Amino acid sequence: MKKQILKAFLVLAIAGAASSAMATTSITGQTTIGNGNTFSPSSKVGISITAIPTSYAAGSCHVNGTKEYGTVGGTGITGTYNDPSKIYSENIPTQSSTNTNGVPTSQSSATALQGSSWQ
């Protein structure tokens, strides 16, 4: 799972560098990045990403998991648990029984992880 998260963050960094406005997206299946490059998270994994040209925040979880994982990167990062060199975790948000992919906490700030209990 951590390998898939790291791949997602690399893709995010590339996509964020090419964007001039804040871009927020959720990835649950194959997504085209840049000039036709494709990325797919692991089966049953969802990723929530927010990026601006200088930073990003991203979270990920598996629909049957107990934890979600997140990280931030770039400049202007804020908050106690937002060290760009670390991957943080917190309890997974309540998942609907109809979800086929994990639904992590929606990331709405490119400079801090959203949620209250990242560690």
PDB file of N, CA and C in Angstrom:
ATOM      1  N   MET A   1       0.824  -1.188   0.000  1.00  0.00           N
ATOM      2  CA  MET A   1       0.000   0.000   0.000  1.00  0.00           C
ATOM      3  C   MET A   1       0.873   1.258   0.000  1.00  0.00           C
ATOM      4  N   LYS A   2       1.955   1.269   0.786  1.00  0.00           N
ATOM      5  CA  LYS A   2       2.803   2.458   0.849  1.00  0.00           C
ATOM      6  C   LYS A   2       3.461   2.732  -0.497  1.00  0.00           C
ATOM      7  N   LYS A   3       3.801   1.664  -1.259  1.00  0.00           N
ATOM      8  CA  LYS A   3       4.387   1.867  -2.576  1.00  0.00           C
ATOM      9  C   LYS A   3       3.400   2.605  -3.476  1.00  0.00           C
ATOM     10  N   GLN A   4       2.140   2.229  -3.430  1.00  0.00           N
ATOM     11  CA  GLN A   4       1.131   2.870  -4.262  1.00  0.00           C
ATOM     12  C   GLN A   4       0.940   4.318  -3.847  1.00  0.00           C
ATOM     13  N   ILE A   5       1.000   4.580  -2.553  1.00  0.00           N
ATOM     14  CA  ILE A   5       0.875   5.956  -2.078  1.00  0.00           C
ATOM     15  C   ILE A   5       2.030   6.787  -2.608  1.00  0.00           C
ATOM     16  N   LEU A   6       3.232   6.259  -2.501  1.00  0.00           N
ATOM     17  CA  LEU A   6       4.395   7.002  -2.972  1.00  0.00           C
ATOM     18  C   LEU A   6       4.322   7.262  -4.470  1.00  0.00           C
ATOM     19  N   LYS A   7       3.837   6.285  -5.243  1.00  0.00           N
ATOM     20  CA  LYS A   7       3.653   6.500  -6.671  1.00  0.00           C
ATOM     21  C   LYS A   7       2.672   7.639  -6.917  1.00  0.00           C
ATOM     22  N   ALA A   8       1.585   7.639  -6.147  1.00  0.00           N
ATOM     23  CA  ALA A   8       0.570   8.681  -6.305  1.00  0.00           C
ATOM     24  C   ALA A   8       1.148  10.054  -6.008  1.00  0.00           C
ATOM     25  N   PHE A   9       1.991  10.144  -5.004  1.00  0.00           N
ATOM     26  CA  PHE A   9       2.561  11.431  -4.642  1.00  0.00           C
ATOM     27  C   PHE A   9       3.548  11.912  -5.704  1.00  0.00           C
ATOM     28  N   LEU A  10       4.268  10.996  -6.323  1.00  0.00           N
ATOM     29  CA  LEU A  10       5.165  11.370  -7.402  1.00  0.00           C
ATOM     30  C   LEU A  10       4.360  11.904  -8.575  1.00  0.00           C
ATOM     31  N   VAL A  11       3.292  11.205  -8.930  1.00  0.00           N
ATOM     32  CA  VAL A  11       2.419  11.661 -10.007  1.00  0.00           C
ATOM     33  C   VAL A  11       1.854  13.030  -9.662  1.00  0.00           C
ATOM     34  N   LEU A  12       1.463  13.201  -8.423  1.00  0.00           N
ATOM     35  CA  LEU A  12       0.911  14.475  -7.974  1.00  0.00           C
ATOM     36  C   LEU A  12       1.928  15.596  -8.120  1.00  0.00           C
ATOM     37  N   ALA A  13       3.148  15.350  -7.738  1.00  0.00           N
ATOM     38  CA  ALA A  13       4.178  16.379  -7.834  1.00  0.00           C
ATOM     39  C   ALA A  13       4.372  16.816  -9.282  1.00  0.00           C
ATOM     40  N   ILE A  14       4.347  15.860 -10.199  1.00  0.00           N
ATOM     41  CA  ILE A  14       4.497  16.175 -11.619  1.00  0.00           C
ATOM     42  C   ILE A  14       3.287  16.963 -12.104  1.00  0.00           C
ATOM     43  N   ALA A  15       2.092  16.501 -11.738  1.00  0.00           N
ATOM     44  CA  ALA A  15       0.870  17.185 -12.166  1.00  0.00           C
ATOM     45  C   ALA A  15       0.770  18.562 -11.534  1.00  0.00           C
ATOM     46  N   GLY A  16       1.137  18.679 -10.267  1.00  0.00           N
ATOM     47  CA  GLY A  16       1.071  19.961  -9.575  1.00  0.00           C
ATOM     48  C   GLY A  16       2.014  20.980 -10.171  1.00  0.00           C
ATOM     49  N   ALA A  17       3.173  20.548 -10.602  1.00  0.00           N
ATOM     50  CA  ALA A  17       4.146  21.470 -11.178  1.00  0.00           C
ATOM     51  C   ALA A  17       3.653  22.046 -12.500  1.00  0.00           C
ATOM     52  N   ALA A  18       2.791  21.323 -13.177  1.00  0.00           N
ATOM     53  CA  ALA A  18       2.301  21.784 -14.468  1.00  0.00           C
ATOM     54  C   ALA A  18       1.039  22.632 -14.355  1.00  0.00           C
ATOM     55  N   SER A  19       0.481  22.733 -13.175  1.00  0.00           N
ATOM     56  CA  SER A  19      -0.777  23.447 -12.994  1.00  0.00           C
ATOM     57  C   SER A  19      -0.547  24.833 -12.428  1.00  0.00           C
ATOM     58  N   SER A  20      -1.337  25.800 -12.871  1.00  0.00           N
ATOM     59  CA  SER A  20      -1.189  27.147 -12.338  1.00  0.00           C
ATOM     60  C   SER A  20      -2.266  27.467 -11.309  1.00  0.00           C
ATOM     61  N   ALA A  21      -3.342  26.707 -11.267  1.00  0.00           N
ATOM     62  CA  ALA A  21      -4.410  26.928 -10.299  1.00  0.00           C
ATOM     63  C   ALA A  21      -4.513  25.715  -9.398  1.00  0.00           C
ATOM     64  N   MET A  22      -5.236  25.874  -8.278  1.00  0.00           N
ATOM     65  CA  MET A  22      -5.401  24.739  -7.384  1.00  0.00           C
ATOM     66  C   MET A  22      -6.249  23.683  -8.079  1.00  0.00           C
ATOM     67  N   ALA A  23      -5.779  22.455  -8.037  1.00  0.00           N
ATOM     68  CA  ALA A  23      -6.490  21.337  -8.646  1.00  0.00           C
ATOM     69  C   ALA A  23      -6.769  20.310  -7.571  1.00  0.00           C
ATOM     70  N   THR A  24      -8.024  19.922  -7.438  1.00  0.00           N
ATOM     71  CA  THR A  24      -8.416  18.909  -6.467  1.00  0.00           C
ATOM     72  C   THR A  24      -9.051  17.757  -7.221  1.00  0.00           C
ATOM     73  N   THR A  25      -8.638  16.545  -6.873  1.00  0.00           N
ATOM     74  CA  THR A  25      -9.204  15.387  -7.555  1.00  0.00           C
ATOM     75  C   THR A  25      -9.177  14.168  -6.656  1.00  0.00           C
ATOM     76  N   SER A  26     -10.018  13.212  -6.963  1.00  0.00           N
ATOM     77  CA  SER A  26      -9.991  11.891  -6.336  1.00  0.00           C
ATOM     78  C   SER A  26      -9.671  10.893  -7.433  1.00  0.00           C
ATOM     79  N   ILE A  27      -8.810   9.948  -7.116  1.00  0.00           N
ATOM     80  CA  ILE A  27      -8.419   8.933  -8.094  1.00  0.00           C
ATOM     81  C   ILE A  27      -8.824   7.569  -7.556  1.00  0.00           C
ATOM     82  N   THR A  28      -9.647   6.859  -8.322  1.00  0.00           N
ATOM     83  CA  THR A  28     -10.055   5.509  -7.934  1.00  0.00           C
ATOM     84  C   THR A  28      -9.822   4.507  -9.055  1.00  0.00           C
ATOM     85  N   GLY A  29      -9.452   4.977 -10.213  1.00  0.00           N
ATOM     86  CA  GLY A  29      -9.194   4.096 -11.358  1.00  0.00           C
ATOM     87  C   GLY A  29      -8.114   4.701 -12.226  1.00  0.00           C
ATOM     88  N   GLN A  30      -7.964   4.185 -13.426  1.00  0.00           N
ATOM     89  CA  GLN A  30      -6.915   4.665 -14.326  1.00  0.00           C
ATOM     90  C   GLN A  30      -7.117   6.141 -14.641  1.00  0.00           C
ATOM     91  N   THR A  31      -6.046   6.914 -14.495  1.00  0.00           N
ATOM     92  CA  THR A  31      -6.066   8.351 -14.732  1.00  0.00           C
ATOM     93  C   THR A  31      -4.921   8.716 -15.654  1.00  0.00           C
ATOM     94  N   THR A  32      -5.186   9.596 -16.622  1.00  0.00           N
ATOM     95  CA  THR A  32      -4.137  10.058 -17.526  1.00  0.00           C
ATOM     96  C   THR A  32      -3.483  11.294 -16.934  1.00  0.00           C
ATOM     97  N   ILE A  33      -2.165  11.280 -16.868  1.00  0.00           N
ATOM     98  CA  ILE A  33      -1.380  12.380 -16.326  1.00  0.00           C
ATOM     99  C   ILE A  33      -0.450  12.892 -17.421  1.00  0.00           C
ATOM    100  N   GLY A  34      -0.411  14.189 -17.602  1.00  0.00           N
ATOM    101  CA  GLY A  34       0.530  14.774 -18.559  1.00  0.00           C
ATOM    102  C   GLY A  34       0.265  14.349 -19.986  1.00  0.00           C
ATOM    103  N   ASN A  35       1.306  13.958 -20.695  1.00  0.00           N
ATOM    104  CA  ASN A  35       1.229  13.621 -22.116  1.00  0.00           C
ATOM    105  C   ASN A  35       0.879  12.155 -22.347  1.00  0.00           C
ATOM    106  N   GLY A  36      -0.226  11.698 -21.797  1.00  0.00           N
ATOM    107  CA  GLY A  36      -0.670  10.345 -22.051  1.00  0.00           C
ATOM    108  C   GLY A  36      -0.164   9.295 -21.084  1.00  0.00           C
ATOM    109  N   ASN A  37       0.559   9.684 -20.048  1.00  0.00           N
ATOM    110  CA  ASN A  37       1.006   8.716 -19.034  1.00  0.00           C
ATOM    111  C   ASN A  37      -0.181   8.323 -18.174  1.00  0.00           C
ATOM    112  N   THR A  38      -0.278   7.049 -17.841  1.00  0.00           N
ATOM    113  CA  THR A  38      -1.405   6.597 -17.039  1.00  0.00           C
ATOM    114  C   THR A  38      -0.945   6.113 -15.672  1.00  0.00           C
ATOM    115  N   PHE A  39      -1.827   6.253 -14.708  1.00  0.00           N
ATOM    116  CA  PHE A  39      -1.598   5.812 -13.339  1.00  0.00           C
ATOM    117  C   PHE A  39      -2.878   5.168 -12.839  1.00  0.00           C
ATOM    118  N   SER A  40      -2.745   4.058 -12.121  1.00  0.00           N
ATOM    119  CA  SER A  40      -3.883   3.407 -11.476  1.00  0.00           C
ATOM    120  C   SER A  40      -3.494   3.028 -10.058  1.00  0.00           C
ATOM    121  N   PRO A  41      -4.308   3.398  -9.069  1.00  0.00           N
ATOM    122  CA  PRO A  41      -4.013   2.942  -7.709  1.00  0.00           C
ATOM    123  C   PRO A  41      -4.315   1.448  -7.589  1.00  0.00           C
ATOM    124  N   SER A  42      -3.872   0.850  -6.519  1.00  0.00           N
ATOM    125  CA  SER A  42      -4.168  -0.557  -6.269  1.00  0.00           C
ATOM    126  C   SER A  42      -5.675  -0.783  -6.208  1.00  0.00           C
ATOM    127  N   SER A  43      -6.087  -2.025  -6.390  1.00  0.00           N
ATOM    128  CA  SER A  43      -7.490  -2.382  -6.310  1.00  0.00           C
ATOM    129  C   SER A  43      -8.074  -1.974  -4.957  1.00  0.00           C
ATOM    130  N   LYS A  44      -9.229  -1.347  -4.968  1.00  0.00           N
ATOM    131  CA  LYS A  44      -9.992  -0.928  -3.796  1.00  0.00           C
ATOM    132  C   LYS A  44      -9.382   0.249  -3.039  1.00  0.00           C
ATOM    133  N   VAL A  45      -8.395   0.921  -3.663  1.00  0.00           N
ATOM    134  CA  VAL A  45      -7.745   2.081  -3.050  1.00  0.00           C
ATOM    135  C   VAL A  45      -8.259   3.356  -3.701  1.00  0.00           C
ATOM    136  N   GLY A  46      -8.510   4.362  -2.886  1.00  0.00           N
ATOM    137  CA  GLY A  46      -8.879   5.688  -3.369  1.00  0.00           C
ATOM    138  C   GLY A  46      -7.853   6.700  -2.897  1.00  0.00           C
ATOM    139  N   ILE A  47      -7.618   7.726  -3.702  1.00  0.00           N
ATOM    140  CA  ILE A  47      -6.646   8.772  -3.389  1.00  0.00           C
ATOM    141  C   ILE A  47      -7.329  10.119  -3.531  1.00  0.00           C
ATOM    142  N   SER A  48      -7.113  11.007  -2.569  1.00  0.00           N
ATOM    143  CA  SER A  48      -7.619  12.374  -2.643  1.00  0.00           C
ATOM    144  C   SER A  48      -6.422  13.313  -2.686  1.00  0.00           C
ATOM    145  N   ILE A  49      -6.362  14.163  -3.705  1.00  0.00           N
ATOM    146  CA  ILE A  49      -5.198  15.017  -3.935  1.00  0.00           C
ATOM    147  C   ILE A  49      -5.633  16.459  -4.163  1.00  0.00           C
ATOM    148  N   THR A  50      -4.893  17.374  -3.580  1.00  0.00           N
ATOM    149  CA  THR A  50      -5.043  18.791  -3.877  1.00  0.00           C
ATOM    150  C   THR A  50      -3.653  19.343  -4.155  1.00  0.00           C
ATOM    151  N   ALA A  51      -3.522  20.130  -5.227  1.00  0.00           N
ATOM    152  CA  ALA A  51      -2.207  20.665  -5.586  1.00  0.00           C
ATOM    153  C   ALA A  51      -2.315  22.094  -6.099  1.00  0.00           C
ATOM    154  N   ILE A  52      -1.273  22.864  -5.820  1.00  0.00           N
ATOM    155  CA  ILE A  52      -1.056  24.168  -6.431  1.00  0.00           C
ATOM    156  C   ILE A  52       0.356  24.109  -7.015  1.00  0.00           C
ATOM    157  N   PRO A  53       0.802  25.109  -7.728  1.00  0.00           N
ATOM    158  CA  PRO A  53       2.131  25.003  -8.348  1.00  0.00           C
ATOM    159  C   PRO A  53       3.273  24.767  -7.366  1.00  0.00           C
ATOM    160  N   THR A  54       3.119  25.162  -6.102  1.00  0.00           N
ATOM    161  CA  THR A  54       4.240  25.061  -5.169  1.00  0.00           C
ATOM    162  C   THR A  54       4.091  23.989  -4.097  1.00  0.00           C
ATOM    163  N   SER A  55       2.922  23.356  -3.970  1.00  0.00           N
ATOM    164  CA  SER A  55       2.757  22.342  -2.911  1.00  0.00           C
ATOM    165  C   SER A  55       1.554  21.438  -3.185  1.00  0.00           C
ATOM    166  N   TYR A  56       1.459  20.377  -2.390  1.00  0.00           N
ATOM    167  CA  TYR A  56       0.347  19.438  -2.519  1.00  0.00           C
ATOM    168  C   TYR A  56       0.061  18.775  -1.174  1.00  0.00           C
ATOM    169  N   ALA A  57      -1.141  18.231  -1.047  1.00  0.00           N
ATOM    170  CA  ALA A  57      -1.528  17.368   0.073  1.00  0.00           C
ATOM    171  C   ALA A  57      -2.301  16.204  -0.526  1.00  0.00           C
ATOM    172  N   ALA A  58      -2.035  14.995  -0.046  1.00  0.00           N
ATOM    173  CA  ALA A  58      -2.690  13.818  -0.596  1.00  0.00           C
ATOM    174  C   ALA A  58      -2.944  12.787   0.493  1.00  0.00           C
ATOM    175  N   GLY A  59      -4.065  12.108   0.401  1.00  0.00           N
ATOM    176  CA  GLY A  59      -4.409  11.034   1.322  1.00  0.00           C
ATOM    177  C   GLY A  59      -4.884   9.831   0.537  1.00  0.00           C
ATOM    178  N   SER A  60      -4.754   8.646   1.143  1.00  0.00           N
ATOM    179  CA  SER A  60      -5.108   7.411   0.457  1.00  0.00           C
ATOM    180  C   SER A  60      -5.598   6.385   1.464  1.00  0.00           C
ATOM    181  N   CYS A  61      -6.547   5.540   1.042  1.00  0.00           N
ATOM    182  CA  CYS A  61      -6.975   4.436   1.906  1.00  0.00           C
ATOM    183  C   CYS A  61      -7.567   3.299   1.076  1.00  0.00           C
ATOM    184  N   HIS A  62      -7.584   2.120   1.673  1.00  0.00           N
ATOM    185  CA  HIS A  62      -8.173   0.913   1.094  1.00  0.00           C
ATOM    186  C   HIS A  62      -9.555   0.748   1.715  1.00  0.00           C
ATOM    187  N   VAL A  63     -10.535   0.387   0.920  1.00  0.00           N
ATOM    188  CA  VAL A  63     -11.919   0.311   1.404  1.00  0.00           C
ATOM    189  C   VAL A  63     -12.064  -0.617   2.616  1.00  0.00           C
ATOM    190  N   ASN A  64     -11.226  -1.653   2.723  1.00  0.00           N
ATOM    191  CA  ASN A  64     -11.317  -2.585   3.852  1.00  0.00           C
ATOM    192  C   ASN A  64     -10.272  -2.308   4.929  1.00  0.00           C
ATOM    193  N   GLY A  65      -9.556  -1.194   4.823  1.00  0.00           N
ATOM    194  CA  GLY A  65      -8.489  -0.889   5.767  1.00  0.00           C
ATOM    195  C   GLY A  65      -8.988  -0.265   7.063  1.00  0.00           C
ATOM    196  N   THR A  66      -8.054  -0.035   7.963  1.00  0.00           N
ATOM    197  CA  THR A  66      -8.373   0.633   9.227  1.00  0.00           C
ATOM    198  C   THR A  66      -7.677   1.982   9.344  1.00  0.00           C
ATOM    199  N   LYS A  67      -6.718   2.258   8.460  1.00  0.00           N
ATOM    200  CA  LYS A  67      -5.968   3.514   8.482  1.00  0.00           C
ATOM    201  C   LYS A  67      -5.992   4.145   7.097  1.00  0.00           C
ATOM    202  N   GLU A  68      -5.899   5.475   7.080  1.00  0.00           N
ATOM    203  CA  GLU A  68      -5.626   6.182   5.839  1.00  0.00           C
ATOM    204  C   GLU A  68      -4.249   6.811   5.994  1.00  0.00           C
ATOM    205  N   TYR A  69      -3.575   7.029   4.872  1.00  0.00           N
ATOM    206  CA  TYR A  69      -2.211   7.547   4.880  1.00  0.00           C
ATOM    207  C   TYR A  69      -2.163   8.828   4.067  1.00  0.00           C
ATOM    208  N   GLY A  70      -1.347   9.780   4.517  1.00  0.00           N
ATOM    209  CA  GLY A  70      -1.264  11.039   3.810  1.00  0.00           C
ATOM    210  C   GLY A  70       0.103  11.677   3.921  1.00  0.00           C
ATOM    211  N   THR A  71       0.357  12.606   3.000  1.00  0.00           N
ATOM    212  CA  THR A  71       1.605  13.358   3.022  1.00  0.00           C
ATOM    213  C   THR A  71       1.397  14.698   2.335  1.00  0.00           C
ATOM    214  N   VAL A  72       2.330  15.599   2.565  1.00  0.00           N
ATOM    215  CA  VAL A  72       2.330  16.904   1.916  1.00  0.00           C
ATOM    216  C   VAL A  72       3.713  17.144   1.329  1.00  0.00           C
ATOM    217  N   GLY A  73       3.827  18.105   0.447  1.00  0.00           N
ATOM    218  CA  GLY A  73       5.130  18.446  -0.101  1.00  0.00           C
ATOM    219  C   GLY A  73       5.126  19.826  -0.709  1.00  0.00           C
ATOM    220  N   GLY A  74       6.301  20.375  -0.870  1.00  0.00           N
ATOM    221  CA  GLY A  74       6.429  21.690  -1.471  1.00  0.00           C
ATOM    222  C   GLY A  74       6.732  22.758  -0.438  1.00  0.00           C
ATOM    223  N   THR A  75       6.380  23.990  -0.770  1.00  0.00           N
ATOM    224  CA  THR A  75       6.663  25.116   0.114  1.00  0.00           C
ATOM    225  C   THR A  75       5.382  25.647   0.745  1.00  0.00           C
ATOM    226  N   GLY A  76       5.533  26.334   1.864  1.00  0.00           N
ATOM    227  CA  GLY A  76       4.383  26.926   2.536  1.00  0.00           C
ATOM    228  C   GLY A  76       3.563  25.932   3.341  1.00  0.00           C
ATOM    229  N   ILE A  77       4.115  24.761   3.653  1.00  0.00           N
ATOM    230  CA  ILE A  77       3.390  23.733   4.396  1.00  0.00           C
ATOM    231  C   ILE A  77       3.123  24.236   5.815  1.00  0.00           C
ATOM    232  N   THR A  78       1.918  23.981   6.320  1.00  0.00           N
ATOM    233  CA  THR A  78       1.530  24.444   7.651  1.00  0.00           C
ATOM    234  C   THR A  78       1.074  23.281   8.517  1.00  0.00           C
ATOM    235  N   GLY A  79       0.931  23.521   9.808  1.00  0.00           N
ATOM    236  CA  GLY A  79       0.374  22.528  10.723  1.00  0.00           C
ATOM    237  C   GLY A  79       1.415  21.685  11.416  1.00  0.00           C
ATOM    238  N   THR A  80       1.018  21.116  12.540  1.00  0.00           N
ATOM    239  CA  THR A  80       1.906  20.323  13.380  1.00  0.00           C
ATOM    240  C   THR A  80       2.361  19.044  12.693  1.00  0.00           C
ATOM    241  N   TYR A  81       1.453  18.348  12.046  1.00  0.00           N
ATOM    242  CA  TYR A  81       1.769  17.048  11.457  1.00  0.00           C
ATOM    243  C   TYR A  81       1.851  17.133   9.945  1.00  0.00           C
ATOM    244  N   ASN A  82       2.654  18.041   9.442  1.00  0.00           N
ATOM    245  CA  ASN A  82       2.771  18.220   8.000  1.00  0.00           C
ATOM    246  C   ASN A  82       4.219  18.366   7.570  1.00  0.00           C
ATOM    247  N   ASP A  83       5.061  17.444   8.001  1.00  0.00           N
ATOM    248  CA  ASP A  83       6.461  17.413   7.601  1.00  0.00           C
ATOM    249  C   ASP A  83       6.534  16.737   6.227  1.00  0.00           C
ATOM    250  N   PRO A  84       6.998  17.439   5.181  1.00  0.00           N
ATOM    251  CA  PRO A  84       7.038  16.853   3.838  1.00  0.00           C
ATOM    252  C   PRO A  84       7.877  15.583   3.713  1.00  0.00           C
ATOM    253  N   SER A  85       8.718  15.277   4.681  1.00  0.00           N
ATOM    254  CA  SER A  85       9.553  14.085   4.595  1.00  0.00           C
ATOM    255  C   SER A  85       8.876  12.851   5.178  1.00  0.00           C
ATOM    256  N   LYS A  86       7.626  12.990   5.670  1.00  0.00           N
ATOM    257  CA  LYS A  86       6.966  11.874   6.354  1.00  0.00           C
ATOM    258  C   LYS A  86       5.639  11.496   5.712  1.00  0.00           C
ATOM    259  N   ILE A  87       5.255  10.244   5.944  1.00  0.00           N
ATOM    260  CA  ILE A  87       3.921   9.768   5.601  1.00  0.00           C
ATOM    261  C   ILE A  87       3.182   9.585   6.916  1.00  0.00           C
ATOM    262  N   TYR A  88       2.015  10.213   7.046  1.00  0.00           N
ATOM    263  CA  TYR A  88       1.231  10.179   8.273  1.00  0.00           C
ATOM    264  C   TYR A  88       0.058   9.217   8.125  1.00  0.00           C
ATOM    265  N   SER A  89      -0.519   8.836   9.263  1.00  0.00           N
ATOM    266  CA  SER A  89      -1.706   7.981   9.236  1.00  0.00           C
ATOM    267  C   SER A  89      -2.717   8.480  10.252  1.00  0.00           C
ATOM    268  N   GLU A  90      -3.952   8.092  10.044  1.00  0.00           N
ATOM    269  CA  GLU A  90      -5.026   8.312  10.998  1.00  0.00           C
ATOM    270  C   GLU A  90      -6.089   7.253  10.716  1.00  0.00           C
ATOM    271  N   ASN A  91      -7.045   7.113  11.623  1.00  0.00           N
ATOM    272  CA  ASN A  91      -8.106   6.132  11.410  1.00  0.00           C
ATOM    273  C   ASN A  91      -8.864   6.465  10.130  1.00  0.00           C
ATOM    274  N   ILE A  92      -9.212   5.436   9.403  1.00  0.00           N
ATOM    275  CA  ILE A  92      -9.919   5.613   8.140  1.00  0.00           C
ATOM    276  C   ILE A  92     -11.301   6.211   8.416  1.00  0.00           C
ATOM    277  N   PRO A  93     -11.762   7.128   7.549  1.00  0.00           N
ATOM    278  CA  PRO A  93     -13.124   7.637   7.718  1.00  0.00           C
ATOM    279  C   PRO A  93     -14.137   6.503   7.535  1.00  0.00           C
ATOM    280  N   THR A  94     -15.302   6.647   8.083  1.00  0.00           N
ATOM    281  CA  THR A  94     -16.355   5.639   7.923  1.00  0.00           C
ATOM    282  C   THR A  94     -16.615   5.426   6.434  1.00  0.00           C
ATOM    283  N   GLN A  95     -16.613   4.180   6.026  1.00  0.00           N
ATOM    284  CA  GLN A  95     -16.818   3.825   4.624  1.00  0.00           C
ATOM    285  C   GLN A  95     -18.228   3.284   4.417  1.00  0.00           C
ATOM    286  N   SER A  96     -18.849   3.659   3.328  1.00  0.00           N
ATOM    287  CA  SER A  96     -20.169   3.151   2.982  1.00  0.00           C
ATOM    288  C   SER A  96     -20.048   1.690   2.555  1.00  0.00           C
ATOM    289  N   SER A  97     -21.056   0.912   2.879  1.00  0.00           N
ATOM    290  CA  SER A  97     -21.035  -0.502   2.493  1.00  0.00           C
ATOM    291  C   SER A  97     -21.116  -0.675   0.980  1.00  0.00           C
ATOM    292  N   THR A  98     -21.468   0.372   0.254  1.00  0.00           N
ATOM    293  CA  THR A  98     -21.562   0.280  -1.200  1.00  0.00           C
ATOM    294  C   THR A  98     -20.278   0.727  -1.905  1.00  0.00           C
ATOM    295  N   ASN A  99     -19.291   1.221  -1.144  1.00  0.00           N
ATOM    296  CA  ASN A  99     -18.033   1.653  -1.758  1.00  0.00           C
ATOM    297  C   ASN A  99     -17.272   0.465  -2.336  1.00  0.00           C
ATOM    298  N   THR A 100     -16.742   0.629  -3.531  1.00  0.00           N
ATOM    299  CA  THR A 100     -15.866  -0.383  -4.113  1.00  0.00           C
ATOM    300  C   THR A 100     -14.405   0.032  -3.992  1.00  0.00           C
ATOM    301  N   ASN A 101     -14.169   1.310  -3.716  1.00  0.00           N
ATOM    302  CA  ASN A 101     -12.824   1.845  -3.487  1.00  0.00           C
ATOM    303  C   ASN A 101     -12.835   2.621  -2.180  1.00  0.00           C
ATOM    304  N   GLY A 102     -11.673   2.727  -1.551  1.00  0.00           N
ATOM    305  CA  GLY A 102     -11.566   3.517  -0.340  1.00  0.00           C
ATOM    306  C   GLY A 102     -11.850   4.980  -0.617  1.00  0.00           C
ATOM    307  N   VAL A 103     -12.457   5.652   0.368  1.00  0.00           N
ATOM    308  CA  VAL A 103     -12.727   7.080   0.258  1.00  0.00           C
ATOM    309  C   VAL A 103     -11.992   7.758   1.410  1.00  0.00           C
ATOM    310  N   PRO A 104     -10.803   8.306   1.137  1.00  0.00           N
ATOM    311  CA  PRO A 104     -10.044   8.966   2.190  1.00  0.00           C
ATOM    312  C   PRO A 104     -10.643  10.329   2.528  1.00  0.00           C
ATOM    313  N   THR A 105     -10.154  10.949   3.594  1.00  0.00           N
ATOM    314  CA  THR A 105     -10.556  12.307   3.928  1.00  0.00           C
ATOM    315  C   THR A 105     -10.289  13.191   2.716  1.00  0.00           C
ATOM    316  N   SER A 106     -11.260  14.000   2.334  1.00  0.00           N
ATOM    317  CA  SER A 106     -11.102  14.872   1.183  1.00  0.00           C
ATOM    318  C   SER A 106     -10.070  15.950   1.480  1.00  0.00           C
ATOM    319  N   GLN A 107      -9.039  16.006   0.664  1.00  0.00           N
ATOM    320  CA  GLN A 107      -8.005  17.015   0.840  1.00  0.00           C
ATOM    321  C   GLN A 107      -8.456  18.311   0.177  1.00  0.00           C
ATOM    322  N   SER A 108      -8.517  19.389   0.955  1.00  0.00           N
ATOM    323  CA  SER A 108      -8.991  20.661   0.415  1.00  0.00           C
ATOM    324  C   SER A 108      -7.976  21.784   0.572  1.00  0.00           C
ATOM    325  N   SER A 109      -6.802  21.477   1.098  1.00  0.00           N
ATOM    326  CA  SER A 109      -5.736  22.462   1.231  1.00  0.00           C
ATOM    327  C   SER A 109      -4.453  21.854   0.686  1.00  0.00           C
ATOM    328  N   ALA A 110      -3.745  22.600  -0.130  1.00  0.00           N
ATOM    329  CA  ALA A 110      -2.498  22.094  -0.703  1.00  0.00           C
ATOM    330  C   ALA A 110      -1.313  22.290   0.233  1.00  0.00           C
ATOM    331  N   THR A 111      -1.548  22.865   1.414  1.00  0.00           N
ATOM    332  CA  THR A 111      -0.444  23.107   2.339  1.00  0.00           C
ATOM    333  C   THR A 111      -0.591  22.382   3.680  1.00  0.00           C
ATOM    334  N   ALA A 112      -1.680  21.623   3.863  1.00  0.00           N
ATOM    335  CA  ALA A 112      -1.883  20.903   5.122  1.00  0.00           C
ATOM    336  C   ALA A 112      -2.825  19.729   4.899  1.00  0.00           C
ATOM    337  N   LEU A 113      -2.581  18.617   5.613  1.00  0.00           N
ATOM    338  CA  LEU A 113      -3.492  17.481   5.555  1.00  0.00           C
ATOM    339  C   LEU A 113      -4.806  17.859   6.253  1.00  0.00           C
ATOM    340  N   GLN A 114      -5.910  17.463   5.639  1.00  0.00           N
ATOM    341  CA  GLN A 114      -7.216  17.725   6.245  1.00  0.00           C
ATOM    342  C   GLN A 114      -7.558  16.581   7.180  1.00  0.00           C
ATOM    343  N   GLY A 115      -8.136  16.867   8.297  1.00  0.00           N
ATOM    344  CA  GLY A 115      -8.429  15.862   9.312  1.00  0.00           C
ATOM    345  C   GLY A 115      -7.799  16.296  10.612  1.00  0.00           C
ATOM    346  N   SER A 116      -8.213  15.671  11.693  1.00  0.00           N
ATOM    347  CA  SER A 116      -7.797  16.167  13.015  1.00  0.00           C
ATOM    348  C   SER A 116      -6.838  15.255  13.770  1.00  0.00           C
ATOM    349  N   SER A 117      -6.589  14.072  13.302  1.00  0.00           N
ATOM    350  CA  SER A 117      -5.794  13.150  14.131  1.00  0.00           C
ATOM    351  C   SER A 117      -4.646  12.477  13.395  1.00  0.00           C
ATOM    352  N   TRP A 118      -4.049  13.156  12.427  1.00  0.00           N
ATOM    353  CA  TRP A 118      -2.887  12.591  11.733  1.00  0.00           C
ATOM    354  C   TRP A 118      -1.737  12.453  12.706  1.00  0.00           C
ATOM    355  N   GLN A 119      -0.995  11.354  12.603  1.00  0.00           N
ATOM    356  CA  GLN A 119       0.193  11.177  13.439  1.00  0.00           C
ATOM    357  C   GLN A 119       1.215  10.331  12.732  1.00  0.00           C
TER     358      GLN A 119
END
